[in-house]
Amino acid sequence: MQTLGPAAQSSSMLAVMRVSLAESGLRSFYTGLSASLLRQMSYTLVRLGSYEEMKRRMSLRSPPTTGKLLLAAAAAGALGGIAGNPADILLVRMASDSLKHPEQRYGYRNALTGLMSLLNEEGVKGICRGLGTNTTRAVLMNVSQVGSYDFFKTTLLKRRLPIVDCQFHDNFLLHFVASLAAATCGTTVCSPADVIRTRIMSSSSRASPVRVLIGSLRDEGPMFMFKGWTPAFMRLGPNTVLMFVFYEQLKSWWSSISYDR
């Protein structure tokens, strides 16, 4: 939906899903799966791993402040954005290929063949397409998702909920509520950068972020920055909840093993 221009402003998520299902079948919902997995193994691995290491080092003497945690999240996000940029390009192109005319399609069979094709046809500049926008988006995502998760988790542990008079404890319910709030925050904050990044990466021409922003604002108005928010949240919401819930369980499990030793 983020790649659709002003002519498709009235297209809803359900309408796009209906067209994709009618034209390409159920498999269309999993287009770009290999690129998505490659992205998780590069972008997500680097941003989460580097953030936890920065947080660990800052916590050696005293608990880090919220400001320091947000700065660490921003730095880790930038590293993840750089590491995951090639996979991001492949994911955007594979997911939007069916919307293009046959002669304009990239035709990547999977992430590995797509990466080789990208390097052969466009060189190193090809895998750096949209790097600035993607890094900006990664910084915003890590701050608004990972950084806000720590903030929501700490705040909920310290304060009782005023309306229902409930005190959270460090358990599954806390991890679920904090990660759901972080997913909402992350989707909203990153939506403008996400739309611009997607349009740059799906394009075969050299379009700058400023040119895409000005053109989209002129043709579609400011609400173009939140185009595709619902499907973005449907993807990021479960992803964020499952990621943090499993991550907290793995940390607890690993801590118990280390303590036993």
Protein backbone atom coordinates (compact mmCIF):
# COMPACT_ATOMS: atom_id res chain seq x y z
CA MET A 1 0.00 0.00 0.00
CA GLN A 2 2.92 2.37 0.70
CA THR A 3 4.05 2.20 -2.94
CA LEU A 4 0.61 3.14 -4.30
CA GLY A 5 0.36 6.66 -5.62
CA PRO A 6 -2.46 9.23 -5.50
CA ALA A 7 -4.51 7.33 -8.09
CA ALA A 8 -4.98 4.56 -5.52
CA GLN A 9 -5.76 6.70 -2.48
CA SER A 10 -9.11 5.00 -1.98
CA SER A 11 -7.60 1.52 -1.93
CA SER A 12 -8.04 -0.05 1.47
CA MET A 13 -6.02 -2.88 2.96
CA LEU A 14 -8.85 -5.35 2.31
CA ALA A 15 -9.17 -4.20 -1.31
CA VAL A 16 -5.45 -4.73 -1.92
CA MET A 17 -5.60 -8.16 -0.26
CA ARG A 18 -8.63 -9.11 -2.36
CA VAL A 19 -6.90 -8.14 -5.62
CA SER A 20 -3.68 -9.97 -4.64
CA LEU A 21 -5.61 -13.10 -3.71
CA ALA A 22 -7.61 -13.06 -6.95
CA GLU A 23 -4.59 -12.49 -9.19
CA SER A 24 -1.85 -14.53 -7.51
CA GLY A 25 -3.55 -16.76 -4.95
CA LEU A 26 -2.61 -17.40 -1.34
CA ARG A 27 1.09 -17.46 -2.18
CA SER A 28 0.98 -13.70 -2.81
CA PHE A 29 0.66 -13.14 0.96
CA TYR A 30 4.10 -14.71 1.41
CA THR A 31 5.87 -12.96 -1.43
CA GLY A 32 9.32 -11.87 -0.26
CA LEU A 33 9.43 -14.30 2.66
CA SER A 34 13.08 -15.20 2.01
CA ALA A 35 14.01 -11.51 1.90
CA SER A 36 12.08 -10.94 5.13
CA LEU A 37 14.02 -13.73 6.85
CA LEU A 38 17.32 -12.32 5.55
CA ARG A 39 16.30 -8.91 6.90
CA GLN A 40 15.57 -10.34 10.36
CA MET A 41 18.93 -12.11 10.40
CA SER A 42 20.80 -8.89 9.59
CA TYR A 43 18.85 -5.79 10.66
CA THR A 44 17.10 -7.17 13.76
CA LEU A 45 20.08 -9.20 14.96
CA VAL A 46 22.43 -6.20 14.83
CA ARG A 47 20.05 -3.62 16.33
CA LEU A 48 18.94 -5.79 19.27
CA GLY A 49 22.34 -7.32 19.98
CA SER A 50 24.25 -4.03 19.90
CA TYR A 51 21.59 -2.28 22.02
CA GLU A 52 21.77 -4.91 24.76
CA GLU A 53 25.57 -4.74 24.77
CA MET A 54 25.51 -0.93 25.05
CA LYS A 55 22.92 -1.15 27.83
CA ARG A 56 25.00 -3.76 29.68
CA ARG A 57 28.11 -1.58 29.58
CA MET A 58 26.20 1.51 30.72
CA SER A 59 24.73 -0.47 33.65
CA LEU A 60 28.07 -1.57 35.10
CA ARG A 61 28.32 1.35 37.55
CA SER A 62 24.74 2.56 37.90
CA PRO A 63 21.34 2.13 36.19
CA PRO A 64 21.33 4.16 32.93
CA THR A 65 18.94 7.08 32.55
CA THR A 66 16.14 7.09 29.98
CA GLY A 67 18.09 9.59 27.87
CA LYS A 68 21.15 7.32 27.72
CA LEU A 69 19.00 4.32 26.81
CA LEU A 70 17.36 6.28 23.97
CA LEU A 71 20.79 7.34 22.66
CA ALA A 72 21.95 3.72 22.78
CA ALA A 73 18.80 2.62 20.95
CA ALA A 74 19.41 5.27 18.27
CA ALA A 75 23.04 4.19 17.75
CA ALA A 76 22.07 0.51 17.62
CA GLY A 77 19.27 1.30 15.19
CA ALA A 78 21.69 3.08 12.85
CA LEU A 79 23.99 0.04 12.85
CA GLY A 80 21.04 -2.24 12.14
CA GLY A 81 19.79 -0.02 9.32
CA ILE A 82 23.17 -0.15 7.59
CA ALA A 83 23.48 -3.93 8.04
CA GLY A 84 19.95 -4.66 6.81
CA ASN A 85 19.75 -2.24 3.87
CA PRO A 86 20.36 -4.81 1.08
CA ALA A 87 17.72 -7.16 2.49
CA ASP A 88 15.30 -4.23 2.84
CA ILE A 89 15.70 -3.37 -0.85
CA LEU A 90 15.04 -6.98 -1.86
CA LEU A 91 11.98 -7.21 0.41
CA VAL A 92 10.43 -4.01 -0.94
CA ARG A 93 11.04 -4.99 -4.56
CA MET A 94 9.79 -8.56 -4.19
CA ALA A 95 6.67 -7.45 -2.30
CA SER A 96 5.75 -4.74 -4.84
CA ASP A 97 6.70 -6.66 -8.01
CA SER A 98 3.15 -7.87 -8.66
CA LEU A 99 1.90 -4.25 -8.76
CA LYS A 100 4.21 -3.37 -11.66
CA HIS A 101 3.80 -3.97 -15.38
CA PRO A 102 5.49 -7.21 -16.51
CA GLU A 103 8.29 -5.37 -18.33
CA GLN A 104 9.09 -3.35 -15.16
CA ARG A 105 9.29 -6.29 -12.75
CA TYR A 106 12.55 -7.40 -11.17
CA GLY A 107 11.60 -11.08 -11.08
CA TYR A 108 13.74 -12.10 -8.09
CA ARG A 109 13.10 -15.79 -7.29
CA ASN A 110 14.45 -15.55 -3.75
CA ALA A 111 16.63 -13.31 -1.59
CA LEU A 112 19.96 -14.87 -2.59
CA THR A 113 19.39 -14.73 -6.34
CA GLY A 114 17.94 -11.26 -5.90
CA LEU A 115 21.05 -10.10 -4.04
CA MET A 116 23.33 -11.46 -6.78
CA SER A 117 21.18 -9.82 -9.45
CA LEU A 118 21.16 -6.51 -7.57
CA LEU A 119 24.96 -6.52 -7.28
CA ASN A 120 25.50 -7.53 -10.91
CA GLU A 121 23.09 -4.97 -12.36
CA GLU A 122 23.53 -2.00 -10.01
CA GLY A 123 26.79 -2.65 -8.17
CA VAL A 124 27.60 -1.41 -4.68
CA LYS A 125 25.48 1.70 -5.28
CA GLY A 126 22.50 -0.60 -5.76
CA ILE A 127 22.70 -2.12 -2.27
CA CYS A 128 23.12 1.39 -0.82
CA ARG A 129 19.94 2.72 -2.45
CA GLY A 130 17.86 4.55 0.16
CA LEU A 131 20.52 3.99 2.83
CA GLY A 132 20.03 7.41 4.42
CA THR A 133 16.25 7.06 4.64
CA ASN A 134 16.51 3.45 5.78
CA THR A 135 19.02 4.33 8.51
CA THR A 136 16.80 7.19 9.67
CA ARG A 137 13.85 4.83 9.78
CA ALA A 138 15.92 2.24 11.69
CA VAL A 139 16.94 4.87 14.26
CA LEU A 140 13.31 5.94 14.70
CA MET A 141 12.20 2.30 14.96
CA ASN A 142 14.75 1.32 17.57
CA VAL A 143 14.10 4.40 19.69
CA SER A 144 10.31 4.15 19.42
CA GLN A 145 10.15 0.34 19.74
CA VAL A 146 13.11 -0.95 21.79
CA GLY A 147 13.69 2.27 23.72
CA SER A 148 9.99 2.78 24.43
CA TYR A 149 9.64 -0.86 25.52
CA ASP A 150 12.20 -0.30 28.29
CA PHE A 151 10.47 2.96 29.18
CA PHE A 152 6.97 1.43 29.34
CA LYS A 153 8.26 -1.60 31.24
CA THR A 154 10.08 0.52 33.85
CA THR A 155 7.17 2.95 34.23
CA LEU A 156 4.58 0.19 34.66
CA LEU A 157 6.76 -1.49 37.29
CA LYS A 158 7.15 1.73 39.28
CA ARG A 159 3.59 3.07 39.15
CA ARG A 160 0.12 1.66 39.66
CA LEU A 161 -2.42 2.05 36.87
CA PRO A 162 -4.71 4.89 38.06
CA ILE A 163 -8.05 3.76 36.60
CA VAL A 164 -8.03 0.04 37.44
CA ASP A 165 -5.66 0.39 40.44
CA CYS A 166 -3.38 -2.40 39.20
CA GLN A 167 0.29 -2.91 40.02
CA PHE A 168 2.32 -4.77 37.39
CA HIS A 169 5.04 -7.27 38.23
CA ASP A 170 7.90 -8.49 36.06
CA ASN A 171 5.99 -11.29 34.34
CA PHE A 172 4.29 -12.22 31.08
CA LEU A 173 1.47 -9.68 31.44
CA LEU A 174 3.92 -6.81 31.88
CA HIS A 175 5.97 -7.92 28.86
CA PHE A 176 2.81 -8.23 26.75
CA VAL A 177 1.39 -4.79 27.65
CA ALA A 178 4.74 -2.98 27.34
CA SER A 179 5.51 -4.60 23.96
CA LEU A 180 2.02 -3.80 22.62
CA ALA A 181 2.46 -0.15 23.61
CA ALA A 182 5.92 -0.15 22.03
CA ALA A 183 4.50 -1.59 18.79
CA THR A 184 1.87 1.18 18.59
CA CYS A 185 4.49 3.82 19.25
CA GLY A 186 6.91 2.34 16.73
CA THR A 187 4.35 2.02 13.94
CA THR A 188 3.17 5.62 14.32
CA VAL A 189 6.61 7.23 14.64
CA CYS A 190 8.14 5.28 11.75
CA SER A 191 5.25 5.53 9.30
CA PRO A 192 6.43 8.68 7.43
CA ALA A 193 10.01 7.40 7.01
CA ASP A 194 8.67 3.95 6.12
CA VAL A 195 6.51 5.26 3.28
CA ILE A 196 9.30 7.41 1.80
CA ARG A 197 11.88 4.60 2.17
CA THR A 198 9.56 2.10 0.47
CA ARG A 199 8.90 4.41 -2.47
CA ILE A 200 12.61 5.08 -2.98
CA MET A 201 13.60 1.40 -2.82
CA SER A 202 10.79 0.23 -5.12
CA SER A 203 11.74 2.83 -7.74
CA SER A 204 14.20 2.10 -10.53
CA SER A 205 15.04 5.81 -10.90
CA ARG A 206 17.31 7.92 -8.71
CA ALA A 207 14.83 9.76 -6.52
CA SER A 208 16.03 11.63 -3.43
CA PRO A 209 14.06 11.54 -0.15
CA VAL A 210 13.38 15.28 -0.41
CA ARG A 211 12.02 14.94 -3.95
CA VAL A 212 9.80 12.02 -2.95
CA LEU A 213 8.54 13.93 0.10
CA ILE A 214 7.73 17.11 -1.85
CA GLY A 215 6.08 15.22 -4.71
CA SER A 216 3.98 13.06 -2.41
CA LEU A 217 2.89 16.03 -0.30
CA ARG A 218 1.88 17.90 -3.45
CA ASP A 219 -0.04 14.99 -5.00
CA GLU A 220 -1.52 13.29 -1.93
CA GLY A 221 -1.39 15.67 1.01
CA PRO A 222 0.19 15.09 4.46
CA MET A 223 -1.84 11.95 5.20
CA PHE A 224 0.28 10.02 2.66
CA MET A 225 2.80 9.66 5.51
CA PHE A 226 0.42 7.28 7.29
CA LYS A 227 -0.63 5.27 4.25
CA GLY A 228 -0.58 1.58 5.14
CA TRP A 229 -0.55 2.18 8.93
CA THR A 230 -3.04 -0.63 9.62
CA PRO A 231 -1.18 -3.41 7.76
CA ALA A 232 2.08 -2.06 9.18
CA PHE A 233 0.70 -2.43 12.71
CA MET A 234 -0.72 -5.88 11.88
CA ARG A 235 2.84 -6.90 10.99
CA LEU A 236 4.75 -4.99 13.68
CA GLY A 237 2.29 -5.63 16.53
CA PRO A 238 2.57 -9.44 16.69
CA ASN A 239 6.24 -9.24 15.71
CA THR A 240 7.03 -6.88 18.61
CA VAL A 241 4.95 -8.76 21.19
CA LEU A 242 6.39 -12.17 20.28
CA MET A 243 9.93 -10.78 20.01
CA PHE A 244 9.97 -9.21 23.47
CA VAL A 245 7.99 -11.95 25.21
CA PHE A 246 10.33 -14.67 23.90
CA TYR A 247 13.35 -12.44 24.48
CA GLU A 248 12.44 -11.91 28.13
CA GLN A 249 11.92 -15.63 28.59
CA LEU A 250 15.28 -16.40 26.95
CA LYS A 251 17.01 -13.84 29.17
CA SER A 252 15.43 -15.37 32.26
CA TRP A 253 16.38 -18.87 31.12
CA TRP A 254 19.95 -17.85 30.33
CA SER A 255 20.31 -16.03 33.67
CA SER A 256 19.16 -19.14 35.56
CA ILE A 257 21.70 -21.28 33.71
CA SER A 258 24.51 -18.80 34.39
CA TYR A 259 23.50 -18.60 38.07
CA ASP A 260 23.52 -22.41 38.43
CA ARG A 261 27.06 -22.49 37.08
